[in-house]
Amino acid sequence: MMQATLATTRSREDWQADGIISWDILANWDFLANRQQLSREVRSVPPLAIERWQVELLGRIGRLLELPSNWDSYGARPVSRDFLRYALEVLRVIMRPGTPLPALIPTSLGGIQIEWHTRGIDLEIRVQSTSQIHVSYEDQRNGLEGESDLTSDLARLDEFVSELSRRKG
């Protein structure tokens, strides 16, 4: 599963040059890419300090970085590496075991929208700045809904993701 999700036209050097992916992922890139060819001794090494969702999102992130100017034929900007870096930092804070993978959607202004539409919850996080996110949340089961702009305090967003992670389909 991990090897298939690493399929991207981007090399380890491309990721490193962009500075998008953290060093913990880059340090283990070769290990992850060649995992099935490793000797028995190396396979017995304890698990890596890398989250599965980070590996699974690499291909999606690579495709976002390859979008050119005007990718939507309406003058859209390429995805900002700074906005993408910030989006990944937000995900690093809020993701937990059991959280489904989000969709990563480019915005026409060069931002990223992180979305979940599952388990009776619609959660959208729009990143078009490196210091603020816009969150939209709707829970169809209990009728809770709202929107807000968040800066450094992600506690409310963390609550939404906790509920999404706990809930079964």
N, C-alpha and C. Protein backbone atom coordinates (compact mmCIF):
# COMPACT_ATOMS: atom_id res chain seq x y z
N MET A 1 0.82 -1.20 0.00
CA MET A 1 0.00 0.00 0.00
C MET A 1 0.86 1.26 0.00
N MET A 2 1.87 1.32 0.88
CA MET A 2 2.69 2.52 0.95
C MET A 2 3.46 2.76 -0.34
N GLN A 3 3.95 1.69 -0.96
CA GLN A 3 4.73 1.86 -2.18
C GLN A 3 3.86 2.45 -3.29
N ALA A 4 2.62 2.02 -3.41
CA ALA A 4 1.74 2.53 -4.45
C ALA A 4 1.44 4.00 -4.24
N THR A 5 1.34 4.42 -2.99
CA THR A 5 1.00 5.83 -2.74
C THR A 5 2.19 6.74 -2.96
N LEU A 6 3.41 6.18 -3.05
CA LEU A 6 4.57 7.01 -3.32
C LEU A 6 4.75 7.28 -4.81
N ALA A 7 3.90 6.70 -5.64
CA ALA A 7 4.01 6.90 -7.08
C ALA A 7 3.74 8.36 -7.41
N THR A 8 4.73 9.04 -7.88
CA THR A 8 4.62 10.44 -8.26
C THR A 8 5.75 10.74 -9.23
N THR A 9 5.61 11.76 -10.01
CA THR A 9 6.67 12.12 -10.94
C THR A 9 7.77 12.91 -10.24
N ARG A 10 7.58 13.21 -8.97
CA ARG A 10 8.56 13.99 -8.22
C ARG A 10 9.58 13.07 -7.56
N SER A 11 10.83 13.47 -7.63
CA SER A 11 11.89 12.70 -6.99
C SER A 11 12.11 13.19 -5.56
N ARG A 12 12.90 12.45 -4.82
CA ARG A 12 13.26 12.86 -3.46
C ARG A 12 13.90 14.24 -3.48
N GLU A 13 14.73 14.50 -4.48
CA GLU A 13 15.41 15.80 -4.59
C GLU A 13 14.42 16.93 -4.86
N ASP A 14 13.36 16.65 -5.65
CA ASP A 14 12.33 17.66 -5.90
C ASP A 14 11.65 18.05 -4.60
N TRP A 15 11.28 17.03 -3.81
CA TRP A 15 10.62 17.30 -2.52
C TRP A 15 11.53 18.12 -1.62
N GLN A 16 12.81 17.73 -1.58
CA GLN A 16 13.75 18.41 -0.71
C GLN A 16 13.95 19.85 -1.14
N ALA A 17 14.06 20.10 -2.43
CA ALA A 17 14.26 21.45 -2.94
C ALA A 17 13.06 22.35 -2.62
N ASP A 18 11.87 21.80 -2.68
CA ASP A 18 10.67 22.59 -2.38
C ASP A 18 10.57 22.95 -0.90
N GLY A 19 11.14 22.12 -0.06
CA GLY A 19 11.03 22.36 1.37
C GLY A 19 9.62 22.14 1.89
N ILE A 20 8.77 21.45 1.13
CA ILE A 20 7.39 21.22 1.53
C ILE A 20 7.29 20.09 2.54
N ILE A 21 8.01 19.03 2.26
CA ILE A 21 7.91 17.83 3.08
C ILE A 21 8.99 17.88 4.15
N SER A 22 8.62 17.54 5.37
CA SER A 22 9.54 17.64 6.50
C SER A 22 10.68 16.64 6.38
N TRP A 23 11.73 16.90 7.12
CA TRP A 23 12.93 16.07 7.07
C TRP A 23 12.65 14.65 7.51
N ASP A 24 11.71 14.43 8.43
CA ASP A 24 11.44 13.06 8.88
C ASP A 24 10.94 12.20 7.73
N ILE A 25 10.16 12.79 6.85
CA ILE A 25 9.69 12.03 5.69
C ILE A 25 10.82 11.84 4.68
N LEU A 26 11.58 12.91 4.40
CA LEU A 26 12.67 12.81 3.44
C LEU A 26 13.74 11.83 3.90
N ALA A 27 14.02 11.80 5.18
CA ALA A 27 15.05 10.91 5.70
C ALA A 27 14.69 9.45 5.46
N ASN A 28 13.40 9.18 5.37
CA ASN A 28 12.95 7.80 5.20
C ASN A 28 12.44 7.51 3.79
N TRP A 29 12.61 8.45 2.87
CA TRP A 29 12.09 8.31 1.51
C TRP A 29 12.59 7.02 0.85
N ASP A 30 13.91 6.83 0.86
CA ASP A 30 14.47 5.65 0.20
C ASP A 30 13.99 4.37 0.88
N PHE A 31 13.90 4.40 2.20
CA PHE A 31 13.41 3.24 2.94
C PHE A 31 11.99 2.90 2.51
N LEU A 32 11.14 3.91 2.42
CA LEU A 32 9.75 3.68 2.05
C LEU A 32 9.62 3.22 0.60
N ALA A 33 10.36 3.86 -0.28
CA ALA A 33 10.26 3.54 -1.70
C ALA A 33 10.77 2.14 -2.03
N ASN A 34 11.73 1.66 -1.27
CA ASN A 34 12.35 0.36 -1.55
C ASN A 34 12.02 -0.67 -0.49
N ARG A 35 10.97 -0.48 0.25
CA ARG A 35 10.65 -1.30 1.41
C ARG A 35 10.60 -2.79 1.10
N GLN A 36 10.02 -3.17 -0.01
CA GLN A 36 9.87 -4.60 -0.30
C GLN A 36 11.17 -5.26 -0.71
N GLN A 37 12.20 -4.50 -1.02
CA GLN A 37 13.47 -5.07 -1.44
C GLN A 37 14.47 -5.18 -0.29
N LEU A 38 14.05 -4.81 0.90
CA LEU A 38 14.97 -4.79 2.03
C LEU A 38 15.21 -6.19 2.58
N SER A 39 16.37 -6.34 3.19
CA SER A 39 16.70 -7.64 3.80
C SER A 39 15.85 -7.88 5.04
N ARG A 40 15.84 -9.11 5.51
CA ARG A 40 15.07 -9.49 6.69
C ARG A 40 15.49 -8.69 7.91
N GLU A 41 16.77 -8.41 8.06
CA GLU A 41 17.25 -7.67 9.22
C GLU A 41 16.68 -6.25 9.25
N VAL A 42 16.66 -5.59 8.12
CA VAL A 42 16.16 -4.21 8.07
C VAL A 42 14.65 -4.19 8.31
N ARG A 43 13.94 -5.20 7.85
CA ARG A 43 12.49 -5.24 8.06
C ARG A 43 12.12 -5.36 9.53
N SER A 44 13.05 -5.83 10.36
CA SER A 44 12.75 -5.97 11.77
C SER A 44 12.97 -4.68 12.55
N VAL A 45 13.40 -3.62 11.88
CA VAL A 45 13.59 -2.33 12.53
C VAL A 45 12.23 -1.82 13.01
N PRO A 46 12.16 -1.15 14.17
CA PRO A 46 10.88 -0.63 14.66
C PRO A 46 10.26 0.34 13.65
N PRO A 47 8.95 0.57 13.74
CA PRO A 47 8.27 1.46 12.81
C PRO A 47 8.90 2.85 12.76
N LEU A 48 8.80 3.48 11.60
CA LEU A 48 9.34 4.82 11.41
C LEU A 48 8.52 5.86 12.14
N ALA A 49 9.16 6.97 12.45
CA ALA A 49 8.46 8.08 13.08
C ALA A 49 7.81 8.93 11.99
N ILE A 50 6.94 8.31 11.24
CA ILE A 50 6.25 8.99 10.15
C ILE A 50 4.82 8.48 10.16
N GLU A 51 3.90 9.37 9.99
CA GLU A 51 2.50 8.99 10.01
C GLU A 51 2.08 8.45 8.65
N ARG A 52 1.25 7.44 8.66
CA ARG A 52 0.78 6.83 7.41
C ARG A 52 0.09 7.85 6.51
N TRP A 53 -0.69 8.75 7.09
CA TRP A 53 -1.40 9.73 6.27
C TRP A 53 -0.43 10.63 5.52
N GLN A 54 0.75 10.91 6.12
CA GLN A 54 1.73 11.74 5.42
C GLN A 54 2.21 11.06 4.16
N VAL A 55 2.48 9.78 4.26
CA VAL A 55 2.94 9.01 3.10
C VAL A 55 1.84 8.94 2.05
N GLU A 56 0.61 8.69 2.50
CA GLU A 56 -0.50 8.54 1.56
C GLU A 56 -0.85 9.84 0.85
N LEU A 57 -0.53 10.98 1.45
CA LEU A 57 -0.83 12.25 0.80
C LEU A 57 0.28 12.74 -0.14
N LEU A 58 1.44 12.10 -0.13
CA LEU A 58 2.55 12.56 -0.97
C LEU A 58 2.18 12.68 -2.44
N GLY A 59 1.53 11.68 -2.98
CA GLY A 59 1.15 11.72 -4.39
C GLY A 59 0.21 12.87 -4.69
N ARG A 60 -0.76 13.10 -3.81
CA ARG A 60 -1.70 14.21 -4.00
C ARG A 60 -0.98 15.55 -3.94
N ILE A 61 -0.07 15.68 -3.00
CA ILE A 61 0.68 16.92 -2.86
C ILE A 61 1.52 17.17 -4.10
N GLY A 62 2.15 16.11 -4.60
CA GLY A 62 2.96 16.23 -5.81
C GLY A 62 2.15 16.73 -6.99
N ARG A 63 0.94 16.20 -7.14
CA ARG A 63 0.08 16.64 -8.25
C ARG A 63 -0.32 18.11 -8.09
N LEU A 64 -0.56 18.54 -6.86
CA LEU A 64 -0.90 19.95 -6.63
C LEU A 64 0.26 20.87 -7.00
N LEU A 65 1.47 20.44 -6.67
CA LEU A 65 2.64 21.26 -6.97
C LEU A 65 2.94 21.35 -8.46
N GLU A 66 2.42 20.41 -9.22
CA GLU A 66 2.65 20.41 -10.66
C GLU A 66 1.64 21.25 -11.44
N LEU A 67 0.62 21.77 -10.76
CA LEU A 67 -0.38 22.59 -11.45
C LEU A 67 0.25 23.88 -11.95
N PRO A 68 0.08 24.19 -13.24
CA PRO A 68 0.66 25.42 -13.79
C PRO A 68 -0.27 26.62 -13.55
N SER A 69 0.20 27.79 -13.89
CA SER A 69 -0.68 28.96 -13.90
C SER A 69 -1.84 28.68 -14.85
N ASN A 70 -3.00 29.19 -14.52
CA ASN A 70 -4.19 29.04 -15.35
C ASN A 70 -4.65 27.58 -15.45
N TRP A 71 -4.41 26.77 -14.42
CA TRP A 71 -4.77 25.36 -14.44
C TRP A 71 -6.26 25.13 -14.62
N ASP A 72 -7.08 26.13 -14.28
CA ASP A 72 -8.53 25.97 -14.42
C ASP A 72 -9.08 26.68 -15.66
N SER A 73 -8.22 27.24 -16.48
CA SER A 73 -8.53 28.02 -17.69
C SER A 73 -9.26 29.33 -17.38
N TYR A 74 -9.28 29.73 -16.10
CA TYR A 74 -9.87 31.00 -15.69
C TYR A 74 -8.86 31.89 -14.98
N GLY A 75 -7.58 31.62 -15.20
CA GLY A 75 -6.54 32.46 -14.62
C GLY A 75 -6.08 32.05 -13.23
N ALA A 76 -6.34 30.82 -12.82
CA ALA A 76 -5.94 30.37 -11.49
C ALA A 76 -4.43 30.43 -11.32
N ARG A 77 -4.02 30.73 -10.10
CA ARG A 77 -2.60 30.75 -9.76
C ARG A 77 -2.13 29.34 -9.42
N PRO A 78 -0.84 29.08 -9.60
CA PRO A 78 -0.31 27.80 -9.13
C PRO A 78 -0.44 27.74 -7.60
N VAL A 79 -0.45 26.55 -7.05
CA VAL A 79 -0.55 26.39 -5.61
C VAL A 79 0.70 26.97 -4.95
N SER A 80 0.48 27.79 -3.96
CA SER A 80 1.58 28.40 -3.21
C SER A 80 2.24 27.36 -2.31
N ARG A 81 3.55 27.24 -2.44
CA ARG A 81 4.28 26.31 -1.59
C ARG A 81 4.16 26.70 -0.11
N ASP A 82 4.13 27.99 0.16
CA ASP A 82 3.98 28.45 1.55
C ASP A 82 2.62 28.06 2.11
N PHE A 83 1.57 28.20 1.31
CA PHE A 83 0.23 27.82 1.77
C PHE A 83 0.13 26.30 1.96
N LEU A 84 0.75 25.55 1.05
CA LEU A 84 0.74 24.11 1.17
C LEU A 84 1.52 23.67 2.42
N ARG A 85 2.64 24.29 2.67
CA ARG A 85 3.43 23.99 3.87
C ARG A 85 2.59 24.25 5.12
N TYR A 86 1.87 25.36 5.15
CA TYR A 86 1.03 25.69 6.30
C TYR A 86 -0.12 24.69 6.44
N ALA A 87 -0.71 24.29 5.32
CA ALA A 87 -1.79 23.29 5.35
C ALA A 87 -1.29 21.99 5.95
N LEU A 88 -0.08 21.58 5.61
CA LEU A 88 0.49 20.35 6.16
C LEU A 88 0.77 20.49 7.65
N GLU A 89 1.16 21.67 8.07
CA GLU A 89 1.37 21.90 9.51
C GLU A 89 0.04 21.79 10.26
N VAL A 90 -1.01 22.35 9.69
CA VAL A 90 -2.34 22.24 10.31
C VAL A 90 -2.73 20.76 10.40
N LEU A 91 -2.53 20.01 9.32
CA LEU A 91 -2.86 18.59 9.35
C LEU A 91 -2.03 17.84 10.39
N ARG A 92 -0.77 18.20 10.52
CA ARG A 92 0.09 17.55 11.51
C ARG A 92 -0.48 17.72 12.92
N VAL A 93 -1.10 18.87 13.18
CA VAL A 93 -1.66 19.14 14.50
C VAL A 93 -2.98 18.39 14.72
N ILE A 94 -3.83 18.30 13.70
CA ILE A 94 -5.19 17.80 13.91
C ILE A 94 -5.41 16.34 13.56
N MET A 95 -4.57 15.75 12.72
CA MET A 95 -4.78 14.36 12.32
C MET A 95 -4.50 13.43 13.48
N ARG A 96 -5.26 12.34 13.54
CA ARG A 96 -5.10 11.33 14.60
C ARG A 96 -5.47 9.98 14.02
N PRO A 97 -5.17 8.91 14.76
CA PRO A 97 -5.58 7.59 14.27
C PRO A 97 -7.10 7.56 14.07
N GLY A 98 -7.52 7.01 12.97
CA GLY A 98 -8.95 6.93 12.68
C GLY A 98 -9.48 8.10 11.86
N THR A 99 -8.68 9.13 11.66
CA THR A 99 -9.13 10.25 10.83
C THR A 99 -9.02 9.84 9.37
N PRO A 100 -10.12 9.92 8.62
CA PRO A 100 -10.04 9.59 7.20
C PRO A 100 -9.12 10.58 6.47
N LEU A 101 -8.54 10.14 5.38
CA LEU A 101 -7.73 11.06 4.58
C LEU A 101 -8.61 12.16 4.02
N PRO A 102 -8.14 13.39 4.08
CA PRO A 102 -8.92 14.48 3.49
C PRO A 102 -8.66 14.60 1.99
N ALA A 103 -9.57 15.28 1.32
CA ALA A 103 -9.32 15.70 -0.06
C ALA A 103 -8.52 17.00 0.01
N LEU A 104 -7.57 17.16 -0.89
CA LEU A 104 -6.80 18.40 -0.99
C LEU A 104 -7.19 19.05 -2.31
N ILE A 105 -7.82 20.20 -2.21
CA ILE A 105 -8.37 20.87 -3.40
C ILE A 105 -7.63 22.19 -3.61
N PRO A 106 -7.11 22.43 -4.82
CA PRO A 106 -6.47 23.73 -5.07
C PRO A 106 -7.54 24.82 -5.21
N THR A 107 -7.21 26.02 -4.78
CA THR A 107 -8.12 27.15 -4.98
C THR A 107 -7.55 28.04 -6.08
N SER A 108 -8.39 28.82 -6.68
CA SER A 108 -7.96 29.66 -7.81
C SER A 108 -6.98 30.76 -7.40
N LEU A 109 -6.91 31.06 -6.11
CA LEU A 109 -5.99 32.10 -5.63
C LEU A 109 -4.65 31.52 -5.16
N GLY A 110 -4.41 30.23 -5.45
CA GLY A 110 -3.15 29.61 -5.08
C GLY A 110 -3.16 28.95 -3.71
N GLY A 111 -4.32 28.86 -3.11
CA GLY A 111 -4.44 28.25 -1.80
C GLY A 111 -4.81 26.78 -1.89
N ILE A 112 -5.08 26.22 -0.72
CA ILE A 112 -5.46 24.81 -0.59
C ILE A 112 -6.72 24.74 0.25
N GLN A 113 -7.63 23.90 -0.14
CA GLN A 113 -8.78 23.61 0.70
C GLN A 113 -8.68 22.14 1.10
N ILE A 114 -8.73 21.90 2.41
CA ILE A 114 -8.69 20.56 2.97
C ILE A 114 -10.13 20.20 3.29
N GLU A 115 -10.62 19.05 2.78
CA GLU A 115 -12.05 18.73 2.94
C GLU A 115 -12.29 17.30 3.37
N TRP A 116 -13.29 17.16 4.23
CA TRP A 116 -13.87 15.87 4.58
C TRP A 116 -15.38 15.99 4.38
N HIS A 117 -15.96 15.05 3.70
CA HIS A 117 -17.42 14.95 3.54
C HIS A 117 -17.76 13.48 3.77
N THR A 118 -17.80 13.10 5.03
CA THR A 118 -17.98 11.71 5.39
C THR A 118 -18.49 11.58 6.82
N ARG A 119 -19.06 10.43 7.12
CA ARG A 119 -19.51 10.12 8.47
C ARG A 119 -20.51 11.15 9.02
N GLY A 120 -21.27 11.75 8.11
CA GLY A 120 -22.27 12.73 8.52
C GLY A 120 -21.70 14.10 8.84
N ILE A 121 -20.44 14.32 8.50
CA ILE A 121 -19.78 15.59 8.80
C ILE A 121 -19.21 16.18 7.52
N ASP A 122 -19.44 17.47 7.34
CA ASP A 122 -18.79 18.24 6.27
C ASP A 122 -17.84 19.21 6.96
N LEU A 123 -16.55 19.05 6.70
CA LEU A 123 -15.54 19.92 7.29
C LEU A 123 -14.64 20.42 6.18
N GLU A 124 -14.54 21.74 6.07
CA GLU A 124 -13.70 22.36 5.05
C GLU A 124 -12.78 23.35 5.73
N ILE A 125 -11.50 23.28 5.38
CA ILE A 125 -10.49 24.19 5.90
C ILE A 125 -9.82 24.86 4.71
N ARG A 126 -9.99 26.16 4.59
CA ARG A 126 -9.40 26.90 3.46
C ARG A 126 -8.13 27.60 3.94
N VAL A 127 -7.03 27.32 3.26
CA VAL A 127 -5.74 27.93 3.57
C VAL A 127 -5.36 28.84 2.42
N GLN A 128 -5.42 30.15 2.65
CA GLN A 128 -5.00 31.13 1.65
C GLN A 128 -4.13 32.19 2.29
N SER A 129 -3.46 31.77 3.35
CA SER A 129 -2.57 32.62 4.12
C SER A 129 -1.66 31.69 4.90
N THR A 130 -0.57 32.19 5.40
CA THR A 130 0.30 31.37 6.24
C THR A 130 0.08 31.66 7.72
N SER A 131 -1.00 32.37 8.03
CA SER A 131 -1.26 32.69 9.43
C SER A 131 -2.72 32.54 9.83
N GLN A 132 -3.57 32.19 8.86
CA GLN A 132 -5.00 32.11 9.17
C GLN A 132 -5.66 31.08 8.27
N ILE A 133 -6.65 30.39 8.83
CA ILE A 133 -7.44 29.45 8.05
C ILE A 133 -8.91 29.78 8.24
N HIS A 134 -9.71 29.43 7.26
CA HIS A 134 -11.16 29.59 7.37
C HIS A 134 -11.74 28.18 7.48
N VAL A 135 -12.55 27.97 8.53
CA VAL A 135 -13.12 26.65 8.78
C VAL A 135 -14.63 26.71 8.64
N SER A 136 -15.18 25.76 7.92
CA SER A 136 -16.63 25.59 7.79
C SER A 136 -16.95 24.17 8.24
N TYR A 137 -17.95 24.04 9.13
CA TYR A 137 -18.27 22.75 9.73
C TYR A 137 -19.77 22.55 9.77
N GLU A 138 -20.20 21.35 9.39
CA GLU A 138 -21.60 20.99 9.52
C GLU A 138 -21.70 19.52 9.91
N ASP A 139 -22.43 19.26 10.97
CA ASP A 139 -22.66 17.90 11.45
C ASP A 139 -24.14 17.60 11.23
N GLN A 140 -24.45 16.74 10.25
CA GLN A 140 -25.84 16.44 9.92
C GLN A 140 -26.55 15.66 11.02
N ARG A 141 -25.81 14.95 11.84
CA ARG A 141 -26.44 14.14 12.88
C ARG A 141 -26.96 14.97 14.05
N ASN A 142 -26.23 16.01 14.44
CA ASN A 142 -26.69 16.79 15.59
C ASN A 142 -27.05 18.24 15.25
N GLY A 143 -26.96 18.60 13.97
CA GLY A 143 -27.37 19.93 13.53
C GLY A 143 -26.37 21.03 13.83
N LEU A 144 -25.21 20.71 14.38
CA LEU A 144 -24.20 21.72 14.67
C LEU A 144 -23.57 22.20 13.37
N GLU A 145 -23.47 23.51 13.23
CA GLU A 145 -22.82 24.08 12.05
C GLU A 145 -22.26 25.44 12.38
N GLY A 146 -21.29 25.85 11.58
CA GLY A 146 -20.70 27.16 11.78
C GLY A 146 -19.49 27.38 10.91
N GLU A 147 -19.04 28.63 10.90
CA GLU A 147 -17.86 29.03 10.15
C GLU A 147 -17.07 29.98 11.01
N SER A 148 -15.75 29.93 10.87
CA SER A 148 -14.93 30.90 11.58
C SER A 148 -13.53 30.94 10.99
N ASP A 149 -12.86 32.05 11.26
CA ASP A 149 -11.47 32.21 10.88
C ASP A 149 -10.63 31.91 12.11
N LEU A 150 -9.59 31.08 11.93
CA LEU A 150 -8.73 30.70 13.04
C LEU A 150 -7.29 31.08 12.74
N THR A 151 -6.57 31.42 13.79
CA THR A 151 -5.14 31.70 13.62
C THR A 151 -4.34 30.62 14.35
N SER A 152 -3.80 30.92 15.50
CA SER A 152 -2.94 29.94 16.17
C SER A 152 -3.70 28.96 17.06
N ASP A 153 -4.89 29.30 17.51
CA ASP A 153 -5.64 28.41 18.39
C ASP A 153 -6.52 27.49 17.55
N LEU A 154 -6.10 26.24 17.46
CA LEU A 154 -6.83 25.27 16.64
C LEU A 154 -7.67 24.32 17.49
N ALA A 155 -7.94 24.69 18.73
CA ALA A 155 -8.67 23.80 19.64
C ALA A 155 -10.04 23.43 19.10
N ARG A 156 -10.78 24.39 18.59
CA ARG A 156 -12.12 24.10 18.08
C ARG A 156 -12.05 23.17 16.87
N LEU A 157 -11.11 23.44 15.97
CA LEU A 157 -10.91 22.58 14.81
C LEU A 157 -10.52 21.17 15.27
N ASP A 158 -9.68 21.08 16.26
CA ASP A 158 -9.27 19.79 16.80
C ASP A 158 -10.48 19.01 17.32
N GLU A 159 -11.43 19.70 17.94
CA GLU A 159 -12.66 19.05 18.40
C GLU A 159 -13.45 18.46 17.23
N PHE A 160 -13.55 19.22 16.14
CA PHE A 160 -14.28 18.74 14.96
C PHE A 160 -13.63 17.48 14.40
N VAL A 161 -12.31 17.50 14.28
CA VAL A 161 -11.60 16.35 13.72
C VAL A 161 -11.68 15.16 14.68
N SER A 162 -11.67 15.42 15.98
CA SER A 162 -11.83 14.33 16.95
C SER A 162 -13.17 13.63 16.75
N GLU A 163 -14.23 14.41 16.58
CA GLU A 163 -15.55 13.83 16.36
C GLU A 163 -15.57 13.03 15.04
N LEU A 164 -14.98 13.59 14.01
CA LEU A 164 -14.91 12.91 12.72
C LEU A 164 -14.15 11.58 12.86
N SER A 165 -13.08 11.58 13.62
CA SER A 165 -12.25 10.39 13.80
C SER A 165 -12.94 9.31 14.63
N ARG A 166 -13.71 9.72 15.63
CA ARG A 166 -14.41 8.77 16.50
C ARG A 166 -15.60 8.11 15.82
N ARG A 167 -16.25 8.87 14.99
CA ARG A 167 -17.54 8.44 14.41
C ARG A 167 -17.34 7.33 13.38
N LYS A 168 -18.21 6.39 13.40
CA LYS A 168 -18.21 5.31 12.41
C LYS A 168 -19.17 5.65 11.29
N GLY A 169 -18.84 5.22 10.08
CA GLY A 169 -19.61 5.49 8.89
C GLY A 169 -21.05 5.42 9.06
